[in-house]
Amino acid sequence: MSYHTELELPVRVEYEHQPPEPMERHYPGCDETVTLLSAWLGEVEVTGYLSPMQIANLEQDILEHEQGMAADYEEGRADYEYERRRDDESDYRN
């Protein structure tokens, strides 16, 4: 007998992240990319056991994580600037 199932396990990954770069006159720019360098399950490196589809899925998950972090950073920065300007204006009025 055999049984096949998918397990959701915590995996630690090491990766390279290339942020997007705008196109310029003499440079075509580039899209945002993530390249998986290694994947670890506990103390065991499992990168060699992953299929190309699993690697692509991990890279997509990492890319979405990076984009979420960037959006959170920009939102926090905007909130900080708004509050700083509001505080500066109230100091000016007093």
PDB file of N, CA and C in Angstrom:
ATOM      1  N   MET A   1       0.827  -1.175   0.000  1.00  0.00           N
ATOM      2  CA  MET A   1       0.000   0.000   0.000  1.00  0.00           C
ATOM      3  C   MET A   1       0.875   1.244   0.000  1.00  0.00           C
ATOM      4  N   SER A   2       0.356   2.305  -0.584  1.00  0.00           N
ATOM      5  CA  SER A   2       1.031   3.599  -0.503  1.00  0.00           C
ATOM      6  C   SER A   2      -0.024   4.689  -0.420  1.00  0.00           C
ATOM      7  N   TYR A   3       0.406   5.782   0.114  1.00  0.00           N
ATOM      8  CA  TYR A   3      -0.492   6.927   0.294  1.00  0.00           C
ATOM      9  C   TYR A   3       0.317   8.182   0.041  1.00  0.00           C
ATOM     10  N   HIS A   4      -0.216   9.097  -0.733  1.00  0.00           N
ATOM     11  CA  HIS A   4       0.461  10.354  -1.053  1.00  0.00           C
ATOM     12  C   HIS A   4      -0.306  11.510  -0.414  1.00  0.00           C
ATOM     13  N   THR A   5       0.422  12.369   0.254  1.00  0.00           N
ATOM     14  CA  THR A   5      -0.192  13.544   0.860  1.00  0.00           C
ATOM     15  C   THR A   5       0.780  14.706   0.792  1.00  0.00           C
ATOM     16  N   GLU A   6       0.283  15.907   0.878  1.00  0.00           N
ATOM     17  CA  GLU A   6       1.099  17.116   0.911  1.00  0.00           C
ATOM     18  C   GLU A   6       1.196  17.569   2.363  1.00  0.00           C
ATOM     19  N   LEU A   7       2.406  17.835   2.828  1.00  0.00           N
ATOM     20  CA  LEU A   7       2.608  18.311   4.188  1.00  0.00           C
ATOM     21  C   LEU A   7       3.022  19.772   4.150  1.00  0.00           C
ATOM     22  N   GLU A   8       2.458  20.559   5.031  1.00  0.00           N
ATOM     23  CA  GLU A   8       2.852  21.960   5.189  1.00  0.00           C
ATOM     24  C   GLU A   8       3.841  22.015   6.335  1.00  0.00           C
ATOM     25  N   LEU A   9       5.115  22.228   6.025  1.00  0.00           N
ATOM     26  CA  LEU A   9       6.154  22.272   7.046  1.00  0.00           C
ATOM     27  C   LEU A   9       6.871  23.606   6.985  1.00  0.00           C
ATOM     28  N   PRO A  10       7.324  24.110   8.137  1.00  0.00           N
ATOM     29  CA  PRO A  10       8.074  25.369   8.126  1.00  0.00           C
ATOM     30  C   PRO A  10       9.445  25.165   7.477  1.00  0.00           C
ATOM     31  N   VAL A  11       9.734  25.971   6.496  1.00  0.00           N
ATOM     32  CA  VAL A  11      10.993  25.884   5.766  1.00  0.00           C
ATOM     33  C   VAL A  11      11.700  27.227   5.881  1.00  0.00           C
ATOM     34  N   ARG A  12      12.979  27.183   6.247  1.00  0.00           N
ATOM     35  CA  ARG A  12      13.796  28.404   6.261  1.00  0.00           C
ATOM     36  C   ARG A  12      14.481  28.488   4.916  1.00  0.00           C
ATOM     37  N   VAL A  13      14.444  29.672   4.302  1.00  0.00           N
ATOM     38  CA  VAL A  13      15.015  29.830   2.971  1.00  0.00           C
ATOM     39  C   VAL A  13      16.058  30.941   2.966  1.00  0.00           C
ATOM     40  N   GLU A  14      17.023  30.786   2.093  1.00  0.00           N
ATOM     41  CA  GLU A  14      17.986  31.838   1.792  1.00  0.00           C
ATOM     42  C   GLU A  14      17.774  32.182   0.330  1.00  0.00           C
ATOM     43  N   TYR A  15      17.762  33.481   0.031  1.00  0.00           N
ATOM     44  CA  TYR A  15      17.450  33.890  -1.332  1.00  0.00           C
ATOM     45  C   TYR A  15      18.110  35.221  -1.655  1.00  0.00           C
ATOM     46  N   GLU A  16      18.159  35.510  -2.951  1.00  0.00           N
ATOM     47  CA  GLU A  16      18.598  36.823  -3.430  1.00  0.00           C
ATOM     48  C   GLU A  16      17.369  37.555  -3.945  1.00  0.00           C
ATOM     49  N   HIS A  17      17.276  38.830  -3.584  1.00  0.00           N
ATOM     50  CA  HIS A  17      16.147  39.661  -4.016  1.00  0.00           C
ATOM     51  C   HIS A  17      16.674  40.798  -4.870  1.00  0.00           C
ATOM     52  N   GLN A  18      16.159  40.904  -6.088  1.00  0.00           N
ATOM     53  CA  GLN A  18      16.500  41.999  -6.988  1.00  0.00           C
ATOM     54  C   GLN A  18      15.292  42.923  -7.060  1.00  0.00           C
ATOM     55  N   PRO A  19      15.379  44.115  -6.437  1.00  0.00           N
ATOM     56  CA  PRO A  19      14.245  45.034  -6.530  1.00  0.00           C
ATOM     57  C   PRO A  19      14.075  45.518  -7.965  1.00  0.00           C
ATOM     58  N   PRO A  20      12.887  45.993  -8.298  1.00  0.00           N
ATOM     59  CA  PRO A  20      12.690  46.504  -9.655  1.00  0.00           C
ATOM     60  C   PRO A  20      13.528  47.763  -9.865  1.00  0.00           C
ATOM     61  N   GLU A  21      13.988  47.939 -11.086  1.00  0.00           N
ATOM     62  CA  GLU A  21      14.738  49.138 -11.433  1.00  0.00           C
ATOM     63  C   GLU A  21      14.061  49.794 -12.623  1.00  0.00           C
ATOM     64  N   PRO A  22      13.891  51.106 -12.578  1.00  0.00           N
ATOM     65  CA  PRO A  22      13.197  51.785 -13.667  1.00  0.00           C
ATOM     66  C   PRO A  22      14.036  51.819 -14.942  1.00  0.00           C
ATOM     67  N   MET A  23      13.337  51.891 -16.062  1.00  0.00           N
ATOM     68  CA  MET A  23      14.015  52.036 -17.336  1.00  0.00           C
ATOM     69  C   MET A  23      14.554  53.461 -17.446  1.00  0.00           C
ATOM     70  N   GLU A  24      15.754  53.567 -17.951  1.00  0.00           N
ATOM     71  CA  GLU A  24      16.370  54.863 -18.180  1.00  0.00           C
ATOM     72  C   GLU A  24      16.805  54.936 -19.636  1.00  0.00           C
ATOM     73  N   ARG A  25      17.349  56.044 -20.011  1.00  0.00           N
ATOM     74  CA  ARG A  25      17.704  56.260 -21.414  1.00  0.00           C
ATOM     75  C   ARG A  25      18.620  55.165 -21.971  1.00  0.00           C
ATOM     76  N   HIS A  26      19.653  54.789 -21.205  1.00  0.00           N
ATOM     77  CA  HIS A  26      20.609  53.799 -21.697  1.00  0.00           C
ATOM     78  C   HIS A  26      20.590  52.513 -20.878  1.00  0.00           C
ATOM     79  N   TYR A  27      19.496  52.281 -20.163  1.00  0.00           N
ATOM     80  CA  TYR A  27      19.375  51.082 -19.340  1.00  0.00           C
ATOM     81  C   TYR A  27      17.937  50.589 -19.404  1.00  0.00           C
ATOM     82  N   PRO A  28      17.735  49.322 -19.757  1.00  0.00           N
ATOM     83  CA  PRO A  28      16.357  48.839 -19.936  1.00  0.00           C
ATOM     84  C   PRO A  28      15.583  48.622 -18.642  1.00  0.00           C
ATOM     85  N   GLY A  29      16.262  48.733 -17.481  1.00  0.00           N
ATOM     86  CA  GLY A  29      15.587  48.465 -16.214  1.00  0.00           C
ATOM     87  C   GLY A  29      15.417  46.971 -16.026  1.00  0.00           C
ATOM     88  N   CYS A  30      14.763  46.592 -14.946  1.00  0.00           N
ATOM     89  CA  CYS A  30      14.514  45.160 -14.716  1.00  0.00           C
ATOM     90  C   CYS A  30      13.318  44.989 -13.795  1.00  0.00           C
ATOM     91  N   ASP A  31      12.711  43.827 -13.911  1.00  0.00           N
ATOM     92  CA  ASP A  31      11.592  43.470 -13.033  1.00  0.00           C
ATOM     93  C   ASP A  31      12.134  43.014 -11.687  1.00  0.00           C
ATOM     94  N   GLU A  32      11.269  43.007 -10.715  1.00  0.00           N
ATOM     95  CA  GLU A  32      11.625  42.482  -9.398  1.00  0.00           C
ATOM     96  C   GLU A  32      11.698  40.955  -9.490  1.00  0.00           C
ATOM     97  N   THR A  33      12.765  40.378  -8.961  1.00  0.00           N
ATOM     98  CA  THR A  33      12.920  38.924  -8.999  1.00  0.00           C
ATOM     99  C   THR A  33      13.441  38.402  -7.668  1.00  0.00           C
ATOM    100  N   VAL A  34      13.201  37.131  -7.440  1.00  0.00           N
ATOM    101  CA  VAL A  34      13.729  36.415  -6.284  1.00  0.00           C
ATOM    102  C   VAL A  34      14.340  35.121  -6.800  1.00  0.00           C
ATOM    103  N   THR A  35      15.535  34.793  -6.304  1.00  0.00           N
ATOM    104  CA  THR A  35      16.198  33.532  -6.655  1.00  0.00           C
ATOM    105  C   THR A  35      16.454  32.752  -5.377  1.00  0.00           C
ATOM    106  N   LEU A  36      15.907  31.560  -5.297  1.00  0.00           N
ATOM    107  CA  LEU A  36      16.103  30.704  -4.143  1.00  0.00           C
ATOM    108  C   LEU A  36      17.535  30.177  -4.149  1.00  0.00           C
ATOM    109  N   LEU A  37      18.239  30.367  -3.039  1.00  0.00           N
ATOM    110  CA  LEU A  37      19.607  29.856  -2.909  1.00  0.00           C
ATOM    111  C   LEU A  37      19.637  28.534  -2.159  1.00  0.00           C
ATOM    112  N   SER A  38      18.851  28.433  -1.087  1.00  0.00           N
ATOM    113  CA  SER A  38      18.784  27.181  -0.331  1.00  0.00           C
ATOM    114  C   SER A  38      17.505  27.148   0.488  1.00  0.00           C
ATOM    115  N   ALA A  39      17.083  25.947   0.805  1.00  0.00           N
ATOM    116  CA  ALA A  39      15.904  25.728   1.645  1.00  0.00           C
ATOM    117  C   ALA A  39      16.283  24.713   2.715  1.00  0.00           C
ATOM    118  N   TRP A  40      15.876  24.997   3.940  1.00  0.00           N
ATOM    119  CA  TRP A  40      16.241  24.167   5.088  1.00  0.00           C
ATOM    120  C   TRP A  40      14.999  23.735   5.839  1.00  0.00           C
ATOM    121  N   LEU A  41      14.952  22.474   6.181  1.00  0.00           N
ATOM    122  CA  LEU A  41      13.915  21.911   7.030  1.00  0.00           C
ATOM    123  C   LEU A  41      14.621  21.503   8.308  1.00  0.00           C
ATOM    124  N   GLY A  42      14.502  22.354   9.326  1.00  0.00           N
ATOM    125  CA  GLY A  42      15.292  22.159  10.535  1.00  0.00           C
ATOM    126  C   GLY A  42      16.757  22.395  10.210  1.00  0.00           C
ATOM    127  N   GLU A  43      17.591  21.393  10.488  1.00  0.00           N
ATOM    128  CA  GLU A  43      19.030  21.498  10.213  1.00  0.00           C
ATOM    129  C   GLU A  43      19.416  20.821   8.899  1.00  0.00           C
ATOM    130  N   VAL A  44      18.436  20.370   8.133  1.00  0.00           N
ATOM    131  CA  VAL A  44      18.703  19.619   6.908  1.00  0.00           C
ATOM    132  C   VAL A  44      18.408  20.494   5.690  1.00  0.00           C
ATOM    133  N   GLU A  45      19.409  20.621   4.807  1.00  0.00           N
ATOM    134  CA  GLU A  45      19.176  21.362   3.567  1.00  0.00           C
ATOM    135  C   GLU A  45      18.411  20.453   2.611  1.00  0.00           C
ATOM    136  N   VAL A  46      17.284  20.965   2.110  1.00  0.00           N
ATOM    137  CA  VAL A  46      16.406  20.155   1.254  1.00  0.00           C
ATOM    138  C   VAL A  46      16.301  20.700  -0.161  1.00  0.00           C
ATOM    139  N   THR A  47      17.141  21.665  -0.489  1.00  0.00           N
ATOM    140  CA  THR A  47      17.050  22.312  -1.802  1.00  0.00           C
ATOM    141  C   THR A  47      17.100  21.289  -2.935  1.00  0.00           C
ATOM    142  N   GLY A  48      18.010  20.346  -2.854  1.00  0.00           N
ATOM    143  CA  GLY A  48      18.168  19.349  -3.915  1.00  0.00           C
ATOM    144  C   GLY A  48      16.994  18.408  -4.066  1.00  0.00           C
ATOM    145  N   TYR A  49      16.132  18.350  -3.083  1.00  0.00           N
ATOM    146  CA  TYR A  49      14.974  17.459  -3.128  1.00  0.00           C
ATOM    147  C   TYR A  49      13.723  18.150  -3.663  1.00  0.00           C
ATOM    148  N   LEU A  50      13.808  19.443  -3.911  1.00  0.00           N
ATOM    149  CA  LEU A  50      12.642  20.193  -4.385  1.00  0.00           C
ATOM    150  C   LEU A  50      12.519  20.095  -5.901  1.00  0.00           C
ATOM    151  N   SER A  51      11.297  19.983  -6.356  1.00  0.00           N
ATOM    152  CA  SER A  51      11.045  19.974  -7.801  1.00  0.00           C
ATOM    153  C   SER A  51      11.105  21.406  -8.319  1.00  0.00           C
ATOM    154  N   PRO A  52      11.276  21.579  -9.636  1.00  0.00           N
ATOM    155  CA  PRO A  52      11.248  22.936 -10.202  1.00  0.00           C
ATOM    156  C   PRO A  52       9.953  23.683  -9.856  1.00  0.00           C
ATOM    157  N   MET A  53       8.836  22.978  -9.806  1.00  0.00           N
ATOM    158  CA  MET A  53       7.551  23.610  -9.460  1.00  0.00           C
ATOM    159  C   MET A  53       7.557  24.069  -8.003  1.00  0.00           C
ATOM    160  N   GLN A  54       8.102  23.275  -7.103  1.00  0.00           N
ATOM    161  CA  GLN A  54       8.175  23.669  -5.696  1.00  0.00           C
ATOM    162  C   GLN A  54       9.091  24.879  -5.517  1.00  0.00           C
ATOM    163  N   ILE A  55      10.194  24.904  -6.249  1.00  0.00           N
ATOM    164  CA  ILE A  55      11.102  26.051  -6.184  1.00  0.00           C
ATOM    165  C   ILE A  55      10.404  27.294  -6.703  1.00  0.00           C
ATOM    166  N   ALA A  56       9.693  27.175  -7.820  1.00  0.00           N
ATOM    167  CA  ALA A  56       8.961  28.322  -8.378  1.00  0.00           C
ATOM    168  C   ALA A  56       7.906  28.815  -7.387  1.00  0.00           C
ATOM    169  N   ASN A  57       7.217  27.898  -6.722  1.00  0.00           N
ATOM    170  CA  ASN A  57       6.203  28.296  -5.734  1.00  0.00           C
ATOM    171  C   ASN A  57       6.836  29.000  -4.543  1.00  0.00           C
ATOM    172  N   LEU A  58       7.970  28.485  -4.057  1.00  0.00           N
ATOM    173  CA  LEU A  58       8.669  29.150  -2.959  1.00  0.00           C
ATOM    174  C   LEU A  58       9.126  30.547  -3.365  1.00  0.00           C
ATOM    175  N   GLU A  59       9.684  30.670  -4.554  1.00  0.00           N
ATOM    176  CA  GLU A  59      10.136  31.981  -5.026  1.00  0.00           C
ATOM    177  C   GLU A  59       8.972  32.957  -5.148  1.00  0.00           C
ATOM    178  N   GLN A  60       7.820  32.487  -5.589  1.00  0.00           N
ATOM    179  CA  GLN A  60       6.638  33.346  -5.690  1.00  0.00           C
ATOM    180  C   GLN A  60       6.176  33.777  -4.297  1.00  0.00           C
ATOM    181  N   ASP A  61       6.169  32.852  -3.346  1.00  0.00           N
ATOM    182  CA  ASP A  61       5.795  33.198  -1.968  1.00  0.00           C
ATOM    183  C   ASP A  61       6.749  34.241  -1.388  1.00  0.00           C
ATOM    184  N   ILE A  62       8.050  34.055  -1.630  1.00  0.00           N
ATOM    185  CA  ILE A  62       9.050  35.004  -1.124  1.00  0.00           C
ATOM    186  C   ILE A  62       8.845  36.369  -1.757  1.00  0.00           C
ATOM    187  N   LEU A  63       8.597  36.396  -3.071  1.00  0.00           N
ATOM    188  CA  LEU A  63       8.374  37.659  -3.773  1.00  0.00           C
ATOM    189  C   LEU A  63       7.162  38.388  -3.207  1.00  0.00           C
ATOM    190  N   GLU A  64       6.083  37.665  -2.958  1.00  0.00           N
ATOM    191  CA  GLU A  64       4.891  38.277  -2.364  1.00  0.00           C
ATOM    192  C   GLU A  64       5.195  38.804  -0.961  1.00  0.00           C
ATOM    193  N   HIS A  65       6.007  38.076  -0.206  1.00  0.00           N
ATOM    194  CA  HIS A  65       6.411  38.536   1.125  1.00  0.00           C
ATOM    195  C   HIS A  65       7.208  39.832   1.013  1.00  0.00           C
ATOM    196  N   GLU A  66       8.182  39.884   0.102  1.00  0.00           N
ATOM    197  CA  GLU A  66       8.991  41.091  -0.094  1.00  0.00           C
ATOM    198  C   GLU A  66       8.116  42.278  -0.501  1.00  0.00           C
ATOM    199  N   GLN A  67       7.177  42.045  -1.398  1.00  0.00           N
ATOM    200  CA  GLN A  67       6.288  43.125  -1.840  1.00  0.00           C
ATOM    201  C   GLN A  67       5.400  43.601  -0.705  1.00  0.00           C
ATOM    202  N   GLY A  68       4.941  42.682   0.136  1.00  0.00           N
ATOM    203  CA  GLY A  68       4.136  43.066   1.300  1.00  0.00           C
ATOM    204  C   GLY A  68       4.935  43.895   2.289  1.00  0.00           C
ATOM    205  N   MET A  69       6.206  43.500   2.499  1.00  0.00           N
ATOM    206  CA  MET A  69       7.058  44.266   3.404  1.00  0.00           C
ATOM    207  C   MET A  69       7.300  45.672   2.852  1.00  0.00           C
ATOM    208  N   ALA A  70       7.502  45.779   1.543  1.00  0.00           N
ATOM    209  CA  ALA A  70       7.731  47.084   0.932  1.00  0.00           C
ATOM    210  C   ALA A  70       6.487  47.955   1.056  1.00  0.00           C
ATOM    211  N   ALA A  71       5.312  47.364   0.863  1.00  0.00           N
ATOM    212  CA  ALA A  71       4.065  48.132   0.988  1.00  0.00           C
ATOM    213  C   ALA A  71       3.876  48.596   2.435  1.00  0.00           C
ATOM    214  N   ASP A  72       4.155  47.713   3.401  1.00  0.00           N
ATOM    215  CA  ASP A  72       4.042  48.095   4.813  1.00  0.00           C
ATOM    216  C   ASP A  72       5.007  49.228   5.151  1.00  0.00           C
ATOM    217  N   TYR A  73       6.218  49.153   4.610  1.00  0.00           N
ATOM    218  CA  TYR A  73       7.212  50.196   4.858  1.00  0.00           C
ATOM    219  C   TYR A  73       6.728  51.532   4.306  1.00  0.00           C
ATOM    220  N   GLU A  74       6.235  51.522   3.073  1.00  0.00           N
ATOM    221  CA  GLU A  74       5.765  52.766   2.454  1.00  0.00           C
ATOM    222  C   GLU A  74       4.579  53.343   3.214  1.00  0.00           C
ATOM    223  N   GLU A  75       3.677  52.490   3.676  1.00  0.00           N
ATOM    224  CA  GLU A  75       2.524  52.958   4.440  1.00  0.00           C
ATOM    225  C   GLU A  75       2.975  53.569   5.760  1.00  0.00           C
ATOM    226  N   GLY A  76       3.904  52.900   6.436  1.00  0.00           N
ATOM    227  CA  GLY A  76       4.433  53.434   7.696  1.00  0.00           C
ATOM    228  C   GLY A  76       5.155  54.748   7.491  1.00  0.00           C
ATOM    229  N   ARG A  77       5.901  54.850   6.403  1.00  0.00           N
ATOM    230  CA  ARG A  77       6.624  56.084   6.110  1.00  0.00           C
ATOM    231  C   ARG A  77       5.649  57.226   5.820  1.00  0.00           C
ATOM    232  N   ALA A  78       4.583  56.932   5.084  1.00  0.00           N
ATOM    233  CA  ALA A  78       3.571  57.953   4.790  1.00  0.00           C
ATOM    234  C   ALA A  78       2.881  58.407   6.077  1.00  0.00           C
ATOM    235  N   ASP A  79       2.552  57.467   6.948  1.00  0.00           N
ATOM    236  CA  ASP A  79       1.929  57.823   8.232  1.00  0.00           C
ATOM    237  C   ASP A  79       2.850  58.703   9.062  1.00  0.00           C
ATOM    238  N   TYR A  80       4.134  58.348   9.087  1.00  0.00           N
ATOM    239  CA  TYR A  80       5.115  59.124   9.841  1.00  0.00           C
ATOM    240  C   TYR A  80       5.192  60.553   9.303  1.00  0.00           C
ATOM    241  N   GLU A  81       5.258  60.707   7.987  1.00  0.00           N
ATOM    242  CA  GLU A  81       5.339  62.043   7.381  1.00  0.00           C
ATOM    243  C   GLU A  81       4.080  62.858   7.680  1.00  0.00           C
ATOM    244  N   TYR A  82       2.912  62.217   7.601  1.00  0.00           N
ATOM    245  CA  TYR A  82       1.666  62.913   7.891  1.00  0.00           C
ATOM    246  C   TYR A  82       1.662  63.425   9.331  1.00  0.00           C
ATOM    247  N   GLU A  83       2.036  62.554  10.271  1.00  0.00           N
ATOM    248  CA  GLU A  83       2.033  62.941  11.685  1.00  0.00           C
ATOM    249  C   GLU A  83       3.091  64.006  11.966  1.00  0.00           C
ATOM    250  N   ARG A  84       4.239  63.909  11.330  1.00  0.00           N
ATOM    251  CA  ARG A  84       5.290  64.902  11.521  1.00  0.00           C
ATOM    252  C   ARG A  84       4.824  66.270  11.041  1.00  0.00           C
ATOM    253  N   ARG A  85       4.193  66.308   9.877  1.00  0.00           N
ATOM    254  CA  ARG A  85       3.699  67.588   9.350  1.00  0.00           C
ATOM    255  C   ARG A  85       2.576  68.148  10.218  1.00  0.00           C
ATOM    256  N   ARG A  86       1.703  67.265  10.695  1.00  0.00           N
ATOM    257  CA  ARG A  86       0.614  67.700  11.568  1.00  0.00           C
ATOM    258  C   ARG A  86       1.173  68.291  12.856  1.00  0.00           C
ATOM    259  N   ASP A  87       2.178  67.637  13.431  1.00  0.00           N
ATOM    260  CA  ASP A  87       2.801  68.136  14.659  1.00  0.00           C
ATOM    261  C   ASP A  87       3.520  69.457  14.406  1.00  0.00           C
ATOM    262  N   ASP A  88       4.194  69.580  13.260  1.00  0.00           N
ATOM    263  CA  ASP A  88       4.878  70.830  12.924  1.00  0.00           C
ATOM    264  C   ASP A  88       3.873  71.977  12.782  1.00  0.00           C
ATOM    265  N   GLU A  89       2.732  71.694  12.164  1.00  0.00           N
ATOM    266  CA  GLU A  89       1.721  72.737  11.987  1.00  0.00           C
ATOM    267  C   GLU A  89       1.119  73.151  13.342  1.00  0.00           C
ATOM    268  N   SER A  90       0.905  72.176  14.236  1.00  0.00           N
ATOM    269  CA  SER A  90       0.342  72.532  15.540  1.00  0.00           C
ATOM    270  C   SER A  90       1.355  73.319  16.363  1.00  0.00           C
ATOM    271  N   ASP A  91       2.655  73.028  16.230  1.00  0.00           N
ATOM    272  CA  ASP A  91       3.684  73.796  16.913  1.00  0.00           C
ATOM    273  C   ASP A  91       3.714  75.223  16.375  1.00  0.00           C
ATOM    274  N   TYR A  92       3.507  75.368  15.085  1.00  0.00           N
ATOM    275  CA  TYR A  92       3.530  76.689  14.458  1.00  0.00           C
ATOM    276  C   TYR A  92       2.352  77.536  14.927  1.00  0.00           C
ATOM    277  N   ARG A  93       1.180  76.900  15.086  1.00  0.00           N
ATOM    278  CA  ARG A  93      -0.017  77.614  15.511  1.00  0.00           C
ATOM    279  C   ARG A  93       0.059  78.054  16.970  1.00  0.00           C
ATOM    280  N   ASN A  94       0.778  77.323  17.768  1.00  0.00           N
ATOM    281  CA  ASN A  94       0.854  77.650  19.212  1.00  0.00           C
ATOM    282  C   ASN A  94       1.864  78.674  19.440  1.00  0.00           C
TER     283      ASN A  94
END
